[in-house]
Amino acid sequence: MEFEKFKEIRELFCLKHPEVTEGKMMSSPAIHYKNKVFAFFSKKDKMVFKLGKGYALEKHNFELSEFNPFKTKKPLAGWYEVDFEHHEKWKELSKIALNQIKISV
């Protein structure tokens, strides 16, 4: 169910945006813009978004957690994960992440 929601979003973005493609991030399925990852589906069945280091988390009334796949290192700066509980926000966050990466590329 979780992965199907991710696939639905990925397919939609690939159809709507010619430079958006499927890919991988740390062996997980991802969404790329010009070969740069802006969102992916984690092994914990959460969706992870590259929103940027200065992203204002307080904009949202749900929990975004810093993505930390490492045991001994700091979280990945600017990457945030969202549980399936808030999957209705995944599409909106994907759009924000895409807009962020378009600015930086």
PDB file of N, CA and C in Angstrom:
ATOM      1  N   MET A   1       0.817  -1.196   0.000  1.00  0.00           N
ATOM      2  CA  MET A   1       0.000   0.000   0.000  1.00  0.00           C
ATOM      3  C   MET A   1       0.862   1.262   0.000  1.00  0.00           C
ATOM      4  N   GLU A   2       1.890   1.289   0.863  1.00  0.00           N
ATOM      5  CA  GLU A   2       2.766   2.451   0.933  1.00  0.00           C
ATOM      6  C   GLU A   2       3.534   2.641  -0.378  1.00  0.00           C
ATOM      7  N   PHE A   3       4.120   1.532  -0.867  1.00  0.00           N
ATOM      8  CA  PHE A   3       4.914   1.623  -2.090  1.00  0.00           C
ATOM      9  C   PHE A   3       4.035   1.989  -3.284  1.00  0.00           C
ATOM     10  N   GLU A   4       2.809   1.492  -3.303  1.00  0.00           N
ATOM     11  CA  GLU A   4       1.893   1.816  -4.402  1.00  0.00           C
ATOM     12  C   GLU A   4       1.612   3.317  -4.448  1.00  0.00           C
ATOM     13  N   LYS A   5       1.477   3.946  -3.281  1.00  0.00           N
ATOM     14  CA  LYS A   5       1.252   5.392  -3.235  1.00  0.00           C
ATOM     15  C   LYS A   5       2.474   6.122  -3.784  1.00  0.00           C
ATOM     16  N   PHE A   6       3.675   5.689  -3.392  1.00  0.00           N
ATOM     17  CA  PHE A   6       4.901   6.285  -3.926  1.00  0.00           C
ATOM     18  C   PHE A   6       4.939   6.141  -5.451  1.00  0.00           C
ATOM     19  N   LYS A   7       4.655   4.933  -5.963  1.00  0.00           N
ATOM     20  CA  LYS A   7       4.688   4.693  -7.406  1.00  0.00           C
ATOM     21  C   LYS A   7       3.687   5.580  -8.143  1.00  0.00           C
ATOM     22  N   GLU A   8       2.528   5.768  -7.558  1.00  0.00           N
ATOM     23  CA  GLU A   8       1.505   6.634  -8.160  1.00  0.00           C
ATOM     24  C   GLU A   8       2.033   8.058  -8.323  1.00  0.00           C
ATOM     25  N   ILE A   9       2.684   8.565  -7.284  1.00  0.00           N
ATOM     26  CA  ILE A   9       3.253   9.921  -7.321  1.00  0.00           C
ATOM     27  C   ILE A   9       4.390   9.985  -8.339  1.00  0.00           C
ATOM     28  N   ARG A  10       5.266   8.994  -8.324  1.00  0.00           N
ATOM     29  CA  ARG A  10       6.400   8.971  -9.255  1.00  0.00           C
ATOM     30  C   ARG A  10       5.921   8.948 -10.698  1.00  0.00           C
ATOM     31  N   GLU A  11       4.937   8.112 -10.993  1.00  0.00           N
ATOM     32  CA  GLU A  11       4.406   8.029 -12.356  1.00  0.00           C
ATOM     33  C   GLU A  11       3.778   9.351 -12.791  1.00  0.00           C
ATOM     34  N   LEU A  12       3.046   9.978 -11.898  1.00  0.00           N
ATOM     35  CA  LEU A  12       2.416  11.260 -12.189  1.00  0.00           C
ATOM     36  C   LEU A  12       3.464  12.321 -12.531  1.00  0.00           C
ATOM     37  N   PHE A  13       4.517  12.404 -11.708  1.00  0.00           N
ATOM     38  CA  PHE A  13       5.566  13.404 -11.936  1.00  0.00           C
ATOM     39  C   PHE A  13       6.347  13.108 -13.218  1.00  0.00           C
ATOM     40  N   CYS A  14       6.572  11.841 -13.516  1.00  0.00           N
ATOM     41  CA  CYS A  14       7.278  11.485 -14.751  1.00  0.00           C
ATOM     42  C   CYS A  14       6.447  11.852 -15.981  1.00  0.00           C
ATOM     43  N   LEU A  15       5.149  11.720 -15.901  1.00  0.00           N
ATOM     44  CA  LEU A  15       4.271  12.074 -17.018  1.00  0.00           C
ATOM     45  C   LEU A  15       4.154  13.588 -17.201  1.00  0.00           C
ATOM     46  N   LYS A  16       4.067  14.323 -16.089  1.00  0.00           N
ATOM     47  CA  LYS A  16       3.849  15.772 -16.149  1.00  0.00           C
ATOM     48  C   LYS A  16       5.114  16.571 -16.448  1.00  0.00           C
ATOM     49  N   HIS A  17       6.263  16.035 -16.084  1.00  0.00           N
ATOM     50  CA  HIS A  17       7.526  16.774 -16.195  1.00  0.00           C
ATOM     51  C   HIS A  17       8.527  15.947 -17.012  1.00  0.00           C
ATOM     52  N   PRO A  18       8.842  16.386 -18.224  1.00  0.00           N
ATOM     53  CA  PRO A  18       9.710  15.591 -19.107  1.00  0.00           C
ATOM     54  C   PRO A  18      11.103  15.299 -18.542  1.00  0.00           C
ATOM     55  N   GLU A  19      11.612  16.137 -17.666  1.00  0.00           N
ATOM     56  CA  GLU A  19      12.965  15.927 -17.136  1.00  0.00           C
ATOM     57  C   GLU A  19      12.973  15.115 -15.834  1.00  0.00           C
ATOM     58  N   VAL A  20      11.787  14.668 -15.406  1.00  0.00           N
ATOM     59  CA  VAL A  20      11.679  13.837 -14.206  1.00  0.00           C
ATOM     60  C   VAL A  20      11.680  12.373 -14.642  1.00  0.00           C
ATOM     61  N   THR A  21      12.531  11.581 -13.948  1.00  0.00           N
ATOM     62  CA  THR A  21      12.679  10.168 -14.293  1.00  0.00           C
ATOM     63  C   THR A  21      12.717   9.310 -13.032  1.00  0.00           C
ATOM     64  N   GLU A  22      12.547   8.018 -13.243  1.00  0.00           N
ATOM     65  CA  GLU A  22      12.703   7.045 -12.165  1.00  0.00           C
ATOM     66  C   GLU A  22      14.185   6.796 -11.940  1.00  0.00           C
ATOM     67  N   GLY A  23      14.532   6.456 -10.710  1.00  0.00           N
ATOM     68  CA  GLY A  23      15.918   6.152 -10.411  1.00  0.00           C
ATOM     69  C   GLY A  23      16.061   5.500  -9.058  1.00  0.00           C
ATOM     70  N   LYS A  24      17.259   5.553  -8.520  1.00  0.00           N
ATOM     71  CA  LYS A  24      17.565   4.951  -7.216  1.00  0.00           C
ATOM     72  C   LYS A  24      18.258   5.961  -6.312  1.00  0.00           C
ATOM     73  N   MET A  25      18.083   5.754  -5.016  1.00  0.00           N
ATOM     74  CA  MET A  25      18.815   6.503  -3.984  1.00  0.00           C
ATOM     75  C   MET A  25      19.128   5.495  -2.894  1.00  0.00           C
ATOM     76  N   MET A  26      20.393   5.213  -2.702  1.00  0.00           N
ATOM     77  CA  MET A  26      20.820   4.236  -1.697  1.00  0.00           C
ATOM     78  C   MET A  26      20.036   2.929  -1.848  1.00  0.00           C
ATOM     79  N   SER A  27      19.937   2.413  -3.049  1.00  0.00           N
ATOM     80  CA  SER A  27      19.246   1.172  -3.404  1.00  0.00           C
ATOM     81  C   SER A  27      17.725   1.239  -3.251  1.00  0.00           C
ATOM     82  N   SER A  28      17.187   2.398  -2.979  1.00  0.00           N
ATOM     83  CA  SER A  28      15.740   2.565  -2.843  1.00  0.00           C
ATOM     84  C   SER A  28      15.174   3.237  -4.094  1.00  0.00           C
ATOM     85  N   PRO A  29      13.924   2.967  -4.430  1.00  0.00           N
ATOM     86  CA  PRO A  29      13.318   3.627  -5.591  1.00  0.00           C
ATOM     87  C   PRO A  29      13.201   5.121  -5.366  1.00  0.00           C
ATOM     88  N   ALA A  30      13.513   5.901  -6.407  1.00  0.00           N
ATOM     89  CA  ALA A  30      13.582   7.352  -6.254  1.00  0.00           C
ATOM     90  C   ALA A  30      12.972   8.071  -7.445  1.00  0.00           C
ATOM     91  N   ILE A  31      12.845   9.390  -7.277  1.00  0.00           N
ATOM     92  CA  ILE A  31      12.387  10.266  -8.346  1.00  0.00           C
ATOM     93  C   ILE A  31      13.504  11.272  -8.601  1.00  0.00           C
ATOM     94  N   HIS A  32      13.926  11.383  -9.856  1.00  0.00           N
ATOM     95  CA  HIS A  32      15.039  12.253 -10.238  1.00  0.00           C
ATOM     96  C   HIS A  32      14.565  13.417 -11.102  1.00  0.00           C
ATOM     97  N   TYR A  33      15.288  14.509 -11.013  1.00  0.00           N
ATOM     98  CA  TYR A  33      15.149  15.628 -11.942  1.00  0.00           C
ATOM     99  C   TYR A  33      16.541  15.891 -12.495  1.00  0.00           C
ATOM    100  N   LYS A  34      16.715  15.724 -13.791  1.00  0.00           N
ATOM    101  CA  LYS A  34      18.028  15.862 -14.438  1.00  0.00           C
ATOM    102  C   LYS A  34      19.086  15.033 -13.699  1.00  0.00           C
ATOM    103  N   ASN A  35      18.741  13.807 -13.390  1.00  0.00           N
ATOM    104  CA  ASN A  35      19.617  12.839 -12.720  1.00  0.00           C
ATOM    105  C   ASN A  35      19.956  13.168 -11.279  1.00  0.00           C
ATOM    106  N   LYS A  36      19.243  14.084 -10.666  1.00  0.00           N
ATOM    107  CA  LYS A  36      19.444  14.402  -9.246  1.00  0.00           C
ATOM    108  C   LYS A  36      18.188  13.992  -8.483  1.00  0.00           C
ATOM    109  N   VAL A  37      18.370  13.281  -7.381  1.00  0.00           N
ATOM    110  CA  VAL A  37      17.250  12.782  -6.589  1.00  0.00           C
ATOM    111  C   VAL A  37      16.611  13.926  -5.796  1.00  0.00           C
ATOM    112  N   PHE A  38      15.270  13.989  -5.828  1.00  0.00           N
ATOM    113  CA  PHE A  38      14.569  14.954  -4.985  1.00  0.00           C
ATOM    114  C   PHE A  38      13.569  14.278  -4.055  1.00  0.00           C
ATOM    115  N   ALA A  39      13.274  13.000  -4.285  1.00  0.00           N
ATOM    116  CA  ALA A  39      12.394  12.247  -3.396  1.00  0.00           C
ATOM    117  C   ALA A  39      12.646  10.756  -3.605  1.00  0.00           C
ATOM    118  N   PHE A  40      12.443   9.969  -2.529  1.00  0.00           N
ATOM    119  CA  PHE A  40      12.569   8.522  -2.664  1.00  0.00           C
ATOM    120  C   PHE A  40      11.767   7.815  -1.587  1.00  0.00           C
ATOM    121  N   PHE A  41      11.608   6.514  -1.767  1.00  0.00           N
ATOM    122  CA  PHE A  41      10.850   5.672  -0.848  1.00  0.00           C
ATOM    123  C   PHE A  41      11.845   4.888  -0.007  1.00  0.00           C
ATOM    124  N   SER A  42      11.831   5.101   1.296  1.00  0.00           N
ATOM    125  CA  SER A  42      12.836   4.488   2.170  1.00  0.00           C
ATOM    126  C   SER A  42      12.494   3.043   2.508  1.00  0.00           C
ATOM    127  N   LYS A  43      13.467   2.355   3.030  1.00  0.00           N
ATOM    128  CA  LYS A  43      13.286   0.962   3.431  1.00  0.00           C
ATOM    129  C   LYS A  43      12.365   0.845   4.641  1.00  0.00           C
ATOM    130  N   LYS A  44      12.077   1.964   5.288  1.00  0.00           N
ATOM    131  CA  LYS A  44      11.143   1.980   6.425  1.00  0.00           C
ATOM    132  C   LYS A  44       9.727   2.323   5.976  1.00  0.00           C
ATOM    133  N   ASP A  45       9.481   2.245   4.662  1.00  0.00           N
ATOM    134  CA  ASP A  45       8.157   2.528   4.080  1.00  0.00           C
ATOM    135  C   ASP A  45       7.697   3.967   4.322  1.00  0.00           C
ATOM    136  N   LYS A  46       8.644   4.888   4.279  1.00  0.00           N
ATOM    137  CA  LYS A  46       8.353   6.315   4.397  1.00  0.00           C
ATOM    138  C   LYS A  46       8.815   6.989   3.113  1.00  0.00           C
ATOM    139  N   MET A  47       8.270   8.149   2.843  1.00  0.00           N
ATOM    140  CA  MET A  47       8.749   8.899   1.688  1.00  0.00           C
ATOM    141  C   MET A  47       9.688   9.978   2.202  1.00  0.00           C
ATOM    142  N   VAL A  48      10.795  10.149   1.493  1.00  0.00           N
ATOM    143  CA  VAL A  48      11.846  11.077   1.909  1.00  0.00           C
ATOM    144  C   VAL A  48      11.995  12.149   0.829  1.00  0.00           C
ATOM    145  N   PHE A  49      12.105  13.405   1.274  1.00  0.00           N
ATOM    146  CA  PHE A  49      12.123  14.547   0.360  1.00  0.00           C
ATOM    147  C   PHE A  49      13.334  15.431   0.623  1.00  0.00           C
ATOM    148  N   LYS A  50      13.933  15.947  -0.445  1.00  0.00           N
ATOM    149  CA  LYS A  50      15.018  16.919  -0.312  1.00  0.00           C
ATOM    150  C   LYS A  50      14.388  18.311  -0.361  1.00  0.00           C
ATOM    151  N   LEU A  51      14.170  18.877   0.819  1.00  0.00           N
ATOM    152  CA  LEU A  51      13.495  20.178   0.931  1.00  0.00           C
ATOM    153  C   LEU A  51      14.478  21.315   1.169  1.00  0.00           C
ATOM    154  N   GLY A  52      15.701  20.980   1.508  1.00  0.00           N
ATOM    155  CA  GLY A  52      16.722  21.997   1.737  1.00  0.00           C
ATOM    156  C   GLY A  52      16.995  22.227   3.212  1.00  0.00           C
ATOM    157  N   LYS A  53      18.192  22.704   3.496  1.00  0.00           N
ATOM    158  CA  LYS A  53      18.639  22.903   4.882  1.00  0.00           C
ATOM    159  C   LYS A  53      17.801  23.930   5.640  1.00  0.00           C
ATOM    160  N   GLY A  54      17.378  24.978   4.961  1.00  0.00           N
ATOM    161  CA  GLY A  54      16.651  26.037   5.643  1.00  0.00           C
ATOM    162  C   GLY A  54      15.144  25.906   5.575  1.00  0.00           C
ATOM    163  N   TYR A  55      14.650  24.730   5.226  1.00  0.00           N
ATOM    164  CA  TYR A  55      13.207  24.564   5.048  1.00  0.00           C
ATOM    165  C   TYR A  55      12.468  24.768   6.374  1.00  0.00           C
ATOM    166  N   ALA A  56      11.404  25.539   6.332  1.00  0.00           N
ATOM    167  CA  ALA A  56      10.618  25.854   7.539  1.00  0.00           C
ATOM    168  C   ALA A  56       9.625  24.734   7.825  1.00  0.00           C
ATOM    169  N   LEU A  57       9.987  23.852   8.734  1.00  0.00           N
ATOM    170  CA  LEU A  57       9.144  22.709   9.077  1.00  0.00           C
ATOM    171  C   LEU A  57       7.826  23.130   9.716  1.00  0.00           C
ATOM    172  N   GLU A  58       7.840  24.281  10.372  1.00  0.00           N
ATOM    173  CA  GLU A  58       6.641  24.742  11.073  1.00  0.00           C
ATOM    174  C   GLU A  58       5.497  25.106  10.131  1.00  0.00           C
ATOM    175  N   LYS A  59       5.759  25.140   8.831  1.00  0.00           N
ATOM    176  CA  LYS A  59       4.701  25.405   7.839  1.00  0.00           C
ATOM    177  C   LYS A  59       3.633  24.314   7.868  1.00  0.00           C
ATOM    178  N   HIS A  60       4.013  23.137   8.315  1.00  0.00           N
ATOM    179  CA  HIS A  60       3.136  21.975   8.221  1.00  0.00           C
ATOM    180  C   HIS A  60       2.601  21.569   9.593  1.00  0.00           C
ATOM    181  N   ASN A  61       1.395  21.043   9.591  1.00  0.00           N
ATOM    182  CA  ASN A  61       0.778  20.604  10.842  1.00  0.00           C
ATOM    183  C   ASN A  61       0.880  19.084  11.001  1.00  0.00           C
ATOM    184  N   PHE A  62       1.944  18.511  10.474  1.00  0.00           N
ATOM    185  CA  PHE A  62       2.232  17.088  10.625  1.00  0.00           C
ATOM    186  C   PHE A  62       3.734  16.947  10.794  1.00  0.00           C
ATOM    187  N   GLU A  63       4.161  15.776  11.216  1.00  0.00           N
ATOM    188  CA  GLU A  63       5.574  15.580  11.541  1.00  0.00           C
ATOM    189  C   GLU A  63       6.432  15.261  10.324  1.00  0.00           C
ATOM    190  N   LEU A  64       7.468  16.060  10.167  1.00  0.00           N
ATOM    191  CA  LEU A  64       8.546  15.778   9.223  1.00  0.00           C
ATOM    192  C   LEU A  64       9.779  15.536  10.079  1.00  0.00           C
ATOM    193  N   SER A  65      10.434  14.407   9.869  1.00  0.00           N
ATOM    194  CA  SER A  65      11.630  14.075  10.644  1.00  0.00           C
ATOM    195  C   SER A  65      12.857  14.181   9.766  1.00  0.00           C
ATOM    196  N   GLU A  66      13.967  14.613  10.355  1.00  0.00           N
ATOM    197  CA  GLU A  66      15.220  14.607   9.595  1.00  0.00           C
ATOM    198  C   GLU A  66      15.540  13.166   9.226  1.00  0.00           C
ATOM    199  N   PHE A  67      15.956  12.972   7.998  1.00  0.00           N
ATOM    200  CA  PHE A  67      16.274  11.628   7.532  1.00  0.00           C
ATOM    201  C   PHE A  67      17.672  11.254   7.994  1.00  0.00           C
ATOM    202  N   ASN A  68      17.750  10.172   8.766  1.00  0.00           N
ATOM    203  CA  ASN A  68      19.033   9.732   9.302  1.00  0.00           C
ATOM    204  C   ASN A  68      19.196   8.226   9.105  1.00  0.00           C
ATOM    205  N   PRO A  69      19.767   7.825   7.969  1.00  0.00           N
ATOM    206  CA  PRO A  69      19.938   6.398   7.706  1.00  0.00           C
ATOM    207  C   PRO A  69      21.177   5.794   8.372  1.00  0.00           C
ATOM    208  N   PHE A  70      21.965   6.637   9.034  1.00  0.00           N
ATOM    209  CA  PHE A  70      23.247   6.194   9.583  1.00  0.00           C
ATOM    210  C   PHE A  70      23.166   5.985  11.097  1.00  0.00           C
ATOM    211  N   LYS A  71      23.968   5.046  11.596  1.00  0.00           N
ATOM    212  CA  LYS A  71      23.997   4.786  13.041  1.00  0.00           C
ATOM    213  C   LYS A  71      24.955   5.728  13.763  1.00  0.00           C
ATOM    214  N   THR A  72      26.036   6.104  13.086  1.00  0.00           N
ATOM    215  CA  THR A  72      27.073   6.878  13.775  1.00  0.00           C
ATOM    216  C   THR A  72      27.312   8.266  13.179  1.00  0.00           C
ATOM    217  N   LYS A  73      26.527   8.634  12.171  1.00  0.00           N
ATOM    218  CA  LYS A  73      26.702   9.941  11.541  1.00  0.00           C
ATOM    219  C   LYS A  73      25.477  10.811  11.769  1.00  0.00           C
ATOM    220  N   LYS A  74      25.626  12.085  11.441  1.00  0.00           N
ATOM    221  CA  LYS A  74      24.519  13.022  11.536  1.00  0.00           C
ATOM    222  C   LYS A  74      23.483  12.724  10.442  1.00  0.00           C
ATOM    223  N   PRO A  75      22.253  13.253  10.610  1.00  0.00           N
ATOM    224  CA  PRO A  75      21.242  13.098   9.551  1.00  0.00           C
ATOM    225  C   PRO A  75      21.701  13.774   8.259  1.00  0.00           C
ATOM    226  N   LEU A  76      21.116  13.364   7.148  1.00  0.00           N
ATOM    227  CA  LEU A  76      21.408  14.004   5.867  1.00  0.00           C
ATOM    228  C   LEU A  76      20.793  15.399   5.869  1.00  0.00           C
ATOM    229  N   ALA A  77      21.602  16.407   5.711  1.00  0.00           N
ATOM    230  CA  ALA A  77      21.144  17.798   5.772  1.00  0.00           C
ATOM    231  C   ALA A  77      20.144  18.097   4.663  1.00  0.00           C
ATOM    232  N   GLY A  78      19.015  18.638   5.044  1.00  0.00           N
ATOM    233  CA  GLY A  78      18.008  19.059   4.076  1.00  0.00           C
ATOM    234  C   GLY A  78      17.051  17.973   3.619  1.00  0.00           C
ATOM    235  N   TRP A  79      17.223  16.750   4.116  1.00  0.00           N
ATOM    236  CA  TRP A  79      16.347  15.632   3.755  1.00  0.00           C
ATOM    237  C   TRP A  79      15.406  15.333   4.915  1.00  0.00           C
ATOM    238  N   TYR A  80      14.119  15.158   4.586  1.00  0.00           N
ATOM    239  CA  TYR A  80      13.097  14.921   5.613  1.00  0.00           C
ATOM    240  C   TYR A  80      12.214  13.753   5.197  1.00  0.00           C
ATOM    241  N   GLU A  81      11.820  12.939   6.190  1.00  0.00           N
ATOM    242  CA  GLU A  81      10.965  11.798   5.903  1.00  0.00           C
ATOM    243  C   GLU A  81       9.591  11.991   6.534  1.00  0.00           C
ATOM    244  N   VAL A  82       8.590  11.397   5.874  1.00  0.00           N
ATOM    245  CA  VAL A  82       7.205  11.518   6.324  1.00  0.00           C
ATOM    246  C   VAL A  82       6.581  10.123   6.306  1.00  0.00           C
ATOM    247  N   ASP A  83       5.948   9.765   7.405  1.00  0.00           N
ATOM    248  CA  ASP A  83       5.279   8.466   7.529  1.00  0.00           C
ATOM    249  C   ASP A  83       4.101   8.330   6.574  1.00  0.00           C
ATOM    250  N   PHE A  84       3.725   7.094   6.304  1.00  0.00           N
ATOM    251  CA  PHE A  84       2.572   6.819   5.461  1.00  0.00           C
ATOM    252  C   PHE A  84       1.288   7.381   6.074  1.00  0.00           C
ATOM    253  N   GLU A  85       1.278   7.528   7.368  1.00  0.00           N
ATOM    254  CA  GLU A  85       0.130   8.121   8.062  1.00  0.00           C
ATOM    255  C   GLU A  85      -0.268   9.464   7.424  1.00  0.00           C
ATOM    256  N   HIS A  86       0.704  10.167   6.867  1.00  0.00           N
ATOM    257  CA  HIS A  86       0.468  11.470   6.238  1.00  0.00           C
ATOM    258  C   HIS A  86       0.681  11.406   4.719  1.00  0.00           C
ATOM    259  N   HIS A  87       0.358  10.266   4.112  1.00  0.00           N
ATOM    260  CA  HIS A  87       0.593  10.079   2.678  1.00  0.00           C
ATOM    261  C   HIS A  87      -0.160  11.081   1.809  1.00  0.00           C
ATOM    262  N   GLU A  88      -1.226  11.668   2.339  1.00  0.00           N
ATOM    263  CA  GLU A  88      -1.957  12.673   1.551  1.00  0.00           C
ATOM    264  C   GLU A  88      -1.120  13.928   1.329  1.00  0.00           C
ATOM    265  N   LYS A  89      -0.030  14.084   2.069  1.00  0.00           N
ATOM    266  CA  LYS A  89       0.885  15.227   1.914  1.00  0.00           C
ATOM    267  C   LYS A  89       2.071  14.910   1.009  1.00  0.00           C
ATOM    268  N   TRP A  90       2.253  13.653   0.651  1.00  0.00           N
ATOM    269  CA  TRP A  90       3.422  13.250  -0.131  1.00  0.00           C
ATOM    270  C   TRP A  90       3.493  13.954  -1.473  1.00  0.00           C
ATOM    271  N   LYS A  91       2.387  14.082  -2.159  1.00  0.00           N
ATOM    272  CA  LYS A  91       2.390  14.723  -3.478  1.00  0.00           C
ATOM    273  C   LYS A  91       2.791  16.191  -3.365  1.00  0.00           C
ATOM    274  N   GLU A  92       2.215  16.878  -2.391  1.00  0.00           N
ATOM    275  CA  GLU A  92       2.542  18.300  -2.167  1.00  0.00           C
ATOM    276  C   GLU A  92       4.030  18.465  -1.848  1.00  0.00           C
ATOM    277  N   LEU A  93       4.563  17.606  -0.992  1.00  0.00           N
ATOM    278  CA  LEU A  93       5.980  17.689  -0.634  1.00  0.00           C
ATOM    279  C   LEU A  93       6.876  17.329  -1.816  1.00  0.00           C
ATOM    280  N   SER A  94       6.430  16.413  -2.661  1.00  0.00           N
ATOM    281  CA  SER A  94       7.188  16.081  -3.876  1.00  0.00           C
ATOM    282  C   SER A  94       7.279  17.297  -4.779  1.00  0.00           C
ATOM    283  N   LYS A  95       6.190  18.027  -4.890  1.00  0.00           N
ATOM    284  CA  LYS A  95       6.180  19.231  -5.721  1.00  0.00           C
ATOM    285  C   LYS A  95       7.125  20.289  -5.148  1.00  0.00           C
ATOM    286  N   ILE A  96       7.128  20.455  -3.839  1.00  0.00           N
ATOM    287  CA  ILE A  96       8.036  21.415  -3.199  1.00  0.00           C
ATOM    288  C   ILE A  96       9.483  20.999  -3.441  1.00  0.00           C
ATOM    289  N   ALA A  97       9.765  19.699  -3.273  1.00  0.00           N
ATOM    290  CA  ALA A  97      11.129  19.197  -3.475  1.00  0.00           C
ATOM    291  C   ALA A  97      11.571  19.373  -4.927  1.00  0.00           C
ATOM    292  N   LEU A  98      10.668  19.128  -5.865  1.00  0.00           N
ATOM    293  CA  LEU A  98      10.992  19.327  -7.278  1.00  0.00           C
ATOM    294  C   LEU A  98      11.316  20.796  -7.544  1.00  0.00           C
ATOM    295  N   ASN A  99      10.516  21.684  -7.030  1.00  0.00           N
ATOM    296  CA  ASN A  99      10.775  23.127  -7.221  1.00  0.00           C
ATOM    297  C   ASN A  99      12.111  23.532  -6.600  1.00  0.00           C
ATOM    298  N   GLN A 100      12.448  22.968  -5.458  1.00  0.00           N
ATOM    299  CA  GLN A 100      13.729  23.269  -4.801  1.00  0.00           C
ATOM    300  C   GLN A 100      14.892  22.810  -5.666  1.00  0.00           C
ATOM    301  N   ILE A 101      14.798  21.617  -6.214  1.00  0.00           N
ATOM    302  CA  ILE A 101      15.922  21.091  -7.008  1.00  0.00           C
ATOM    303  C   ILE A 101      16.041  21.829  -8.333  1.00  0.00           C
ATOM    304  N   LYS A 102      14.930  22.281  -8.888  1.00  0.00           N
ATOM    305  CA  LYS A 102      14.981  23.061 -10.135  1.00  0.00           C
ATOM    306  C   LYS A 102      15.768  24.354  -9.939  1.00  0.00           C
ATOM    307  N   ILE A 103      15.650  24.953  -8.766  1.00  0.00           N
ATOM    308  CA  ILE A 103      16.383  26.181  -8.443  1.00  0.00           C
ATOM    309  C   ILE A 103      17.882  25.912  -8.361  1.00  0.00           C
ATOM    310  N   SER A 104      18.240  24.756  -7.814  1.00  0.00           N
ATOM    311  CA  SER A 104      19.661  24.463  -7.551  1.00  0.00           C
ATOM    312  C   SER A 104      20.397  23.854  -8.741  1.00  0.00           C
ATOM    313  N   VAL A 105      19.678  23.383  -9.750  1.00  0.00           N
ATOM    314  CA  VAL A 105      20.345  22.715 -10.891  1.00  0.00           C
ATOM    315  C   VAL A 105      20.660  23.730 -11.977  1.00  0.00           C
TER     316      VAL A 105
END
